[in-house]
PDB file of N, CA and C in Angstrom:
ATOM      1  N   MET A   1      72.769  86.679 127.815  1.00  0.00           N
ATOM      2  CA  MET A   1      72.976  88.013 127.939  1.00  0.00           C
ATOM      3  C   MET A   1      74.191  88.557 127.666  1.00  0.00           C
ATOM      4  N   LEU A   2      74.750  89.164 126.710  1.00  0.00           N
ATOM      5  CA  LEU A   2      75.276  90.369 126.834  1.00  0.00           C
ATOM      6  C   LEU A   2      75.933  91.420 127.072  1.00  0.00           C
ATOM      7  N   THR A   3      77.285  91.655 127.569  1.00  0.00           N
ATOM      8  CA  THR A   3      77.696  92.978 128.646  1.00  0.00           C
ATOM      9  C   THR A   3      78.325  94.244 128.357  1.00  0.00           C
ATOM     10  N   LYS A   4      78.047  94.970 128.685  1.00  0.00           N
ATOM     11  CA  LYS A   4      78.472  96.258 127.851  1.00  0.00           C
ATOM     12  C   LYS A   4      80.336  96.016 127.886  1.00  0.00           C
ATOM     13  N   GLU A   5      80.370  94.927 129.223  1.00  0.00           N
ATOM     14  CA  GLU A   5      82.274  94.344 128.245  1.00  0.00           C
ATOM     15  C   GLU A   5      81.935  93.781 127.626  1.00  0.00           C
ATOM     16  N   ASP A   6      81.133  92.784 127.007  1.00  0.00           N
ATOM     17  CA  ASP A   6      81.160  91.878 125.903  1.00  0.00           C
ATOM     18  C   ASP A   6      81.278  92.680 124.864  1.00  0.00           C
ATOM     19  N   MET A   7      80.149  94.084 124.207  1.00  0.00           N
ATOM     20  CA  MET A   7      80.414  94.882 123.680  1.00  0.00           C
ATOM     21  C   MET A   7      81.765  95.414 123.296  1.00  0.00           C
ATOM     22  N   LYS A   8      82.588  95.921 124.431  1.00  0.00           N
ATOM     23  CA  LYS A   8      83.640  96.091 124.673  1.00  0.00           C
ATOM     24  C   LYS A   8      84.659  95.878 123.354  1.00  0.00           C
ATOM     25  N   GLN A   9      84.342  94.539 123.940  1.00  0.00           N
ATOM     26  CA  GLN A   9      85.963  93.190 123.767  1.00  0.00           C
ATOM     27  C   GLN A   9      84.718  92.819 121.874  1.00  0.00           C
ATOM     28  N   VAL A  10      84.160  93.270 121.886  1.00  0.00           N
ATOM     29  CA  VAL A  10      83.540  92.855 120.629  1.00  0.00           C
ATOM     30  C   VAL A  10      84.509  93.977 119.765  1.00  0.00           C
ATOM     31  N   ARG A  11      84.100  95.077 119.657  1.00  0.00           N
ATOM     32  CA  ARG A  11      84.646  96.049 119.124  1.00  0.00           C
ATOM     33  C   ARG A  11      86.046  95.948 119.274  1.00  0.00           C
ATOM     34  N   LYS A  12      86.803  95.971 120.503  1.00  0.00           N
ATOM     35  CA  LYS A  12      88.377  95.582 120.156  1.00  0.00           C
ATOM     36  C   LYS A  12      88.559  94.592 119.172  1.00  0.00           C
ATOM     37  N   ASP A  13      88.072  93.744 119.282  1.00  0.00           N
ATOM     38  CA  ASP A  13      87.819  92.172 118.251  1.00  0.00           C
ATOM     39  C   ASP A  13      88.016  93.291 116.637  1.00  0.00           C
ATOM     40  N   HIS A  14      87.238  93.804 116.554  1.00  0.00           N
ATOM     41  CA  HIS A  14      87.175  94.736 115.116  1.00  0.00           C
ATOM     42  C   HIS A  14      87.861  95.068 114.551  1.00  0.00           C
ATOM     43  N   ASP A  15      88.209  96.164 115.705  1.00  0.00           N
ATOM     44  CA  ASP A  15      89.127  96.990 115.629  1.00  0.00           C
ATOM     45  C   ASP A  15      90.907  97.026 115.145  1.00  0.00           C
ATOM     46  N   ASP A  16      90.966  95.337 116.148  1.00  0.00           N
ATOM     47  CA  ASP A  16      92.245  94.436 115.537  1.00  0.00           C
ATOM     48  C   ASP A  16      92.248  94.067 114.452  1.00  0.00           C
ATOM     49  N   ALA A  17      90.724  93.469 114.020  1.00  0.00           N
ATOM     50  CA  ALA A  17      91.408  92.349 112.496  1.00  0.00           C
ATOM     51  C   ALA A  17      90.971  93.184 111.606  1.00  0.00           C
ATOM     52  N   TYR A  18      90.673  94.977 111.526  1.00  0.00           N
ATOM     53  CA  TYR A  18      90.841  96.244 110.568  1.00  0.00           C
ATOM     54  C   TYR A  18      92.402  96.477 110.439  1.00  0.00           C
ATOM     55  N   ALA A  19      92.876  96.534 112.044  1.00  0.00           N
ATOM     56  CA  ALA A  19      94.276  97.005 111.766  1.00  0.00           C
ATOM     57  C   ALA A  19      95.554  96.323 110.836  1.00  0.00           C
ATOM     58  N   GLU A  20      94.929  94.294 111.514  1.00  0.00           N
ATOM     59  CA  GLU A  20      95.832  93.891 110.594  1.00  0.00           C
ATOM     60  C   GLU A  20      95.707  93.929 109.296  1.00  0.00           C
ATOM     61  N   ALA A  21      94.578  93.954 108.629  1.00  0.00           N
ATOM     62  CA  ALA A  21      93.839  94.213 107.210  1.00  0.00           C
ATOM     63  C   ALA A  21      94.272  95.120 107.026  1.00  0.00           C
ATOM     64  N   ASP A  22      94.964  96.521 107.040  1.00  0.00           N
ATOM     65  CA  ASP A  22      95.316  97.704 106.808  1.00  0.00           C
ATOM     66  C   ASP A  22      96.885  97.361 106.745  1.00  0.00           C
ATOM     67  N   ARG A  23      97.609  96.288 107.477  1.00  0.00           N
ATOM     68  CA  ARG A  23      98.798  95.987 107.863  1.00  0.00           C
ATOM     69  C   ARG A  23      99.534  94.913 106.524  1.00  0.00           C
ATOM     70  N   GLN A  24      98.346  93.797 106.596  1.00  0.00           N
ATOM     71  CA  GLN A  24      98.781  93.493 105.188  1.00  0.00           C
ATOM     72  C   GLN A  24      98.525  94.165 103.743  1.00  0.00           C
ATOM     73  N   ARG A  25      97.729  95.386 103.742  1.00  0.00           N
ATOM     74  CA  ARG A  25      97.529  95.393 102.542  1.00  0.00           C
ATOM     75  C   ARG A  25      98.779  97.216 102.350  1.00  0.00           C
ATOM     76  N   ALA A  26      99.341  96.930 103.116  1.00  0.00           N
ATOM     77  CA  ALA A  26     100.584  98.090 103.276  1.00  0.00           C
ATOM     78  C   ALA A  26     101.420  97.242 102.856  1.00  0.00           C
ATOM     79  N   LEU A  27     101.826  95.609 103.179  1.00  0.00           N
ATOM     80  CA  LEU A  27     102.730  95.368 102.678  1.00  0.00           C
ATOM     81  C   LEU A  27     102.813  94.596 101.353  1.00  0.00           C
ATOM     82  N   ALA A  28     101.635  94.402 101.279  1.00  0.00           N
ATOM     83  CA  ALA A  28     100.957  94.085  99.501  1.00  0.00           C
ATOM     84  C   ALA A  28     101.754  94.872  98.804  1.00  0.00           C
ATOM     85  N   PHE A  29     101.297  95.872  99.068  1.00  0.00           N
ATOM     86  CA  PHE A  29     101.973  97.549  98.133  1.00  0.00           C
ATOM     87  C   PHE A  29     102.843  97.822  98.091  1.00  0.00           C
ATOM     88  N   ALA A  30     104.023  97.698  99.293  1.00  0.00           N
ATOM     89  CA  ALA A  30     104.926  97.476  99.124  1.00  0.00           C
ATOM     90  C   ALA A  30     105.896  96.722  98.451  1.00  0.00           C
ATOM     91  N   GLN A  31     105.458  94.702  98.487  1.00  0.00           N
ATOM     92  CA  GLN A  31     105.570  94.603  97.749  1.00  0.00           C
ATOM     93  C   GLN A  31     105.896  94.318  96.306  1.00  0.00           C
ATOM     94  N   ALA A  32     104.115  95.457  96.139  1.00  0.00           N
ATOM     95  CA  ALA A  32     104.094  95.029  94.356  1.00  0.00           C
ATOM     96  C   ALA A  32     105.372  96.497  93.933  1.00  0.00           C
ATOM     97  N   ASP A  33     105.324  97.449  94.412  1.00  0.00           N
ATOM     98  CA  ASP A  33     106.715  98.494  94.283  1.00  0.00           C
ATOM     99  C   ASP A  33     107.465  97.614  94.279  1.00  0.00           C
ATOM    100  N   ALA A  34     107.660  96.887  95.629  1.00  0.00           N
ATOM    101  CA  ALA A  34     109.196  96.346  95.033  1.00  0.00           C
ATOM    102  C   ALA A  34     109.428  95.817  93.669  1.00  0.00           C
ATOM    103  N   GLU A  35     108.064  94.764  93.866  1.00  0.00           N
ATOM    104  CA  GLU A  35     108.676  94.426  92.148  1.00  0.00           C
ATOM    105  C   GLU A  35     108.530  94.327  91.361  1.00  0.00           C
ATOM    106  N   GLY A  36     108.021  95.935  90.701  1.00  0.00           N
ATOM    107  CA  GLY A  36     108.040  96.494  89.830  1.00  0.00           C
ATOM    108  C   GLY A  36     106.788  96.713  89.095  1.00  0.00           C
ATOM    109  N   LEU A  37     106.231  96.538  90.180  1.00  0.00           N
ATOM    110  CA  LEU A  37     104.240  97.077  89.245  1.00  0.00           C
ATOM    111  C   LEU A  37     104.169  98.149  89.497  1.00  0.00           C
ATOM    112  N   ALA A  38     103.786  98.778  88.584  1.00  0.00           N
ATOM    113  CA  ALA A  38     103.508 100.322  87.554  1.00  0.00           C
ATOM    114  C   ALA A  38     102.335 100.432  88.724  1.00  0.00           C
ATOM    115  N   GLN A  39     102.673 101.702  89.322  1.00  0.00           N
ATOM    116  CA  GLN A  39     101.596 102.697  90.451  1.00  0.00           C
ATOM    117  C   GLN A  39     100.173 102.998  89.443  1.00  0.00           C
ATOM    118  N   LYS A  40     100.269 103.331  88.103  1.00  0.00           N
ATOM    119  CA  LYS A  40      98.718 103.267  87.797  1.00  0.00           C
ATOM    120  C   LYS A  40      98.080 101.921  87.255  1.00  0.00           C
ATOM    121  N   ASP A  41      98.987 100.635  87.261  1.00  0.00           N
ATOM    122  CA  ASP A  41      98.133  99.225  87.674  1.00  0.00           C
ATOM    123  C   ASP A  41      97.934  99.067  88.837  1.00  0.00           C
ATOM    124  N   VAL A  42      98.643  99.700  90.069  1.00  0.00           N
ATOM    125  CA  VAL A  42      97.847  99.287  91.463  1.00  0.00           C
ATOM    126  C   VAL A  42      96.453 100.521  91.648  1.00  0.00           C
ATOM    127  N   ILE A  43      97.023 101.743  90.714  1.00  0.00           N
ATOM    128  CA  ILE A  43      95.430 102.414  91.122  1.00  0.00           C
ATOM    129  C   ILE A  43      94.804 101.951  89.914  1.00  0.00           C
ATOM    130  N   ASP A  44      94.576 101.663  89.085  1.00  0.00           N
ATOM    131  CA  ASP A  44      93.921 100.873  88.349  1.00  0.00           C
ATOM    132  C   ASP A  44      93.120  99.566  89.495  1.00  0.00           C
ATOM    133  N   ALA A  45      93.449  98.769  89.444  1.00  0.00           N
ATOM    134  CA  ALA A  45      93.179  97.945  90.332  1.00  0.00           C
ATOM    135  C   ALA A  45      92.566  97.697  91.602  1.00  0.00           C
ATOM    136  N   THR A  46      92.310  99.170  91.966  1.00  0.00           N
ATOM    137  CA  THR A  46      91.769  99.642  93.322  1.00  0.00           C
ATOM    138  C   THR A  46      91.155 100.193  93.099  1.00  0.00           C
ATOM    139  N   GLY A  47      91.133 101.321  92.055  1.00  0.00           N
ATOM    140  CA  GLY A  47      90.489 102.619  92.329  1.00  0.00           C
ATOM    141  C   GLY A  47      90.954 103.266  93.651  1.00  0.00           C
ATOM    142  N   TYR A  48      92.031 103.792  94.280  1.00  0.00           N
ATOM    143  CA  TYR A  48      92.270 104.408  95.111  1.00  0.00           C
ATOM    144  C   TYR A  48      93.096 105.754  93.850  1.00  0.00           C
ATOM    145  N   SER A  49      92.913 106.985  94.933  1.00  0.00           N
ATOM    146  CA  SER A  49      94.194 107.908  94.004  1.00  0.00           C
ATOM    147  C   SER A  49      95.092 107.469  94.469  1.00  0.00           C
ATOM    148  N   ARG A  50      96.184 108.627  93.856  1.00  0.00           N
ATOM    149  CA  ARG A  50      97.026 108.011  93.466  1.00  0.00           C
ATOM    150  C   ARG A  50      98.191 108.345  94.509  1.00  0.00           C
ATOM    151  N   GLU A  51      97.622 109.036  95.555  1.00  0.00           N
ATOM    152  CA  GLU A  51      98.128 109.735  96.874  1.00  0.00           C
ATOM    153  C   GLU A  51      97.957 108.627  98.030  1.00  0.00           C
ATOM    154  N   THR A  52      96.119 108.047  97.413  1.00  0.00           N
ATOM    155  CA  THR A  52      96.206 107.396  98.627  1.00  0.00           C
ATOM    156  C   THR A  52      97.542 105.892  97.907  1.00  0.00           C
ATOM    157  N   VAL A  53      98.122 105.456  97.329  1.00  0.00           N
ATOM    158  CA  VAL A  53      98.939 104.517  96.691  1.00  0.00           C
ATOM    159  C   VAL A  53     100.392 105.086  97.345  1.00  0.00           C
ATOM    160  N   ARG A  54     100.011 105.938  97.199  1.00  0.00           N
ATOM    161  CA  ARG A  54     101.621 106.110  97.664  1.00  0.00           C
ATOM    162  C   ARG A  54     101.582 106.452  99.218  1.00  0.00           C
ATOM    163  N   ARG A  55     100.465 106.342  99.567  1.00  0.00           N
ATOM    164  CA  ARG A  55     100.606 106.471 101.504  1.00  0.00           C
ATOM    165  C   ARG A  55     100.779 105.235 102.173  1.00  0.00           C
ATOM    166  N   ILE A  56     100.090 104.281 100.984  1.00  0.00           N
ATOM    167  CA  ILE A  56      99.417 103.060 101.527  1.00  0.00           C
ATOM    168  C   ILE A  56     100.998 102.500 101.462  1.00  0.00           C
ATOM    169  N   THR A  57     101.752 102.780  99.990  1.00  0.00           N
ATOM    170  CA  THR A  57     103.262 102.127 100.099  1.00  0.00           C
ATOM    171  C   THR A  57     104.267 102.379 100.596  1.00  0.00           C
ATOM    172  N   ARG A  58     104.347 103.846 101.480  1.00  0.00           N
ATOM    173  CA  ARG A  58     105.367 103.807 102.243  1.00  0.00           C
ATOM    174  C   ARG A  58     105.237 103.249 103.406  1.00  0.00           C
ATOM    175  N   GLU A  59     103.725 103.227 104.132  1.00  0.00           N
ATOM    176  CA  GLU A  59     103.668 102.409 104.971  1.00  0.00           C
ATOM    177  C   GLU A  59     104.086 101.331 105.445  1.00  0.00           C
ATOM    178  N   GLY A  60     103.382  99.998 104.105  1.00  0.00           N
ATOM    179  CA  GLY A  60     103.984  99.198 104.097  1.00  0.00           C
ATOM    180  C   GLY A  60     105.911  98.819 104.208  1.00  0.00           C
ATOM    181  N   GLN A  61     106.476 100.564 102.681  1.00  0.00           N
ATOM    182  CA  GLN A  61     108.255 100.490 103.588  1.00  0.00           C
ATOM    183  C   GLN A  61     108.508 100.404 104.720  1.00  0.00           C
ATOM    184  N   ARG A  62     108.076 101.032 105.228  1.00  0.00           N
ATOM    185  CA  ARG A  62     108.097 101.038 107.263  1.00  0.00           C
ATOM    186  C   ARG A  62     108.333 100.197 107.264  1.00  0.00           C
ATOM    187  N   LEU A  63     106.876  99.262 106.984  1.00  0.00           N
ATOM    188  CA  LEU A  63     106.184  98.889 107.991  1.00  0.00           C
ATOM    189  C   LEU A  63     107.913  97.062 108.152  1.00  0.00           C
ATOM    190  N   LEU A  64     107.949  96.851 106.755  1.00  0.00           N
ATOM    191  CA  LEU A  64     108.803  95.880 106.416  1.00  0.00           C
ATOM    192  C   LEU A  64     110.454  96.491 106.514  1.00  0.00           C
ATOM    193  N   ALA A  65     110.755  97.597 106.443  1.00  0.00           N
ATOM    194  CA  ALA A  65     111.811  98.294 107.352  1.00  0.00           C
ATOM    195  C   ALA A  65     111.781  97.802 108.862  1.00  0.00           C
ATOM    196  N   GLU A  66     111.207  97.940 109.726  1.00  0.00           N
ATOM    197  CA  GLU A  66     110.819  97.392 110.873  1.00  0.00           C
ATOM    198  C   GLU A  66     111.197  95.701 111.450  1.00  0.00           C
ATOM    199  N   GLN A  67     110.822  95.478 110.319  1.00  0.00           N
ATOM    200  CA  GLN A  67     110.700  93.871 110.305  1.00  0.00           C
ATOM    201  C   GLN A  67     112.288  93.499 109.889  1.00  0.00           C
ATOM    202  N   ALA A  68     112.845  94.252 108.883  1.00  0.00           N
ATOM    203  CA  ALA A  68     114.167  93.364 108.583  1.00  0.00           C
ATOM    204  C   ALA A  68     114.979  93.187 109.877  1.00  0.00           C
ATOM    205  N   PRO A  69     115.624  94.122 110.567  1.00  0.00           N
ATOM    206  CA  PRO A  69     115.957  93.671 111.516  1.00  0.00           C
ATOM    207  C   PRO A  69     115.725  92.383 112.322  1.00  0.00           C
ATOM    208  N   ALA A  70     114.469  92.262 112.805  1.00  0.00           N
ATOM    209  CA  ALA A  70     114.262  91.317 113.457  1.00  0.00           C
ATOM    210  C   ALA A  70     114.113  89.865 112.946  1.00  0.00           C
ATOM    211  N   GLU A  71     114.657  90.252 111.411  1.00  0.00           N
ATOM    212  CA  GLU A  71     114.200  88.780 110.568  1.00  0.00           C
ATOM    213  C   GLU A  71     116.317  88.582 110.087  1.00  0.00           C
ATOM    214  N   LYS A  72     116.882  89.367 110.808  1.00  0.00           N
ATOM    215  CA  LYS A  72     118.633  89.336 110.701  1.00  0.00           C
ATOM    216  C   LYS A  72     118.766  88.923 111.873  1.00  0.00           C
ATOM    217  N   GLY A  73     118.356  89.204 112.995  1.00  0.00           N
ATOM    218  CA  GLY A  73     118.574  87.822 114.022  1.00  0.00           C
ATOM    219  C   GLY A  73     119.864  88.838 114.690  1.00  0.00           C
ATOM    220  N   PRO A  74     120.229  88.560 116.067  1.00  0.00           N
ATOM    221  CA  PRO A  74     121.254  89.837 116.741  1.00  0.00           C
ATOM    222  C   PRO A  74     122.764  89.063 115.826  1.00  0.00           C
ATOM    223  N   ALA A  75     123.322  90.091 116.400  1.00  0.00           N
ATOM    224  CA  ALA A  75     124.351  90.612 115.866  1.00  0.00           C
ATOM    225  C   ALA A  75     125.950  89.352 116.299  1.00  0.00           C
ATOM    226  N   GLU A  76     126.289  88.901 115.011  1.00  0.00           N
ATOM    227  CA  GLU A  76     127.345  87.663 115.575  1.00  0.00           C
ATOM    228  C   GLU A  76     128.662  88.692 115.760  1.00  0.00           C
TER     229      GLU A  76
END
């Protein structure tokens, strides 16, 4: 029998998966922007509004900027 704690864990797992999907989407939007894919093409492909595409792209750029120092490793 499932308990209240089990259901809390189900909810947490769902929220975590959703957050990771959002993160991956943002990184893909930032990559598309960096590679020169026209914003209009992203809008056409996703059905998102121009502002939504911009917001997601900015989030992806922020995530990439946070990753960049970690990938460089320790300063020499």
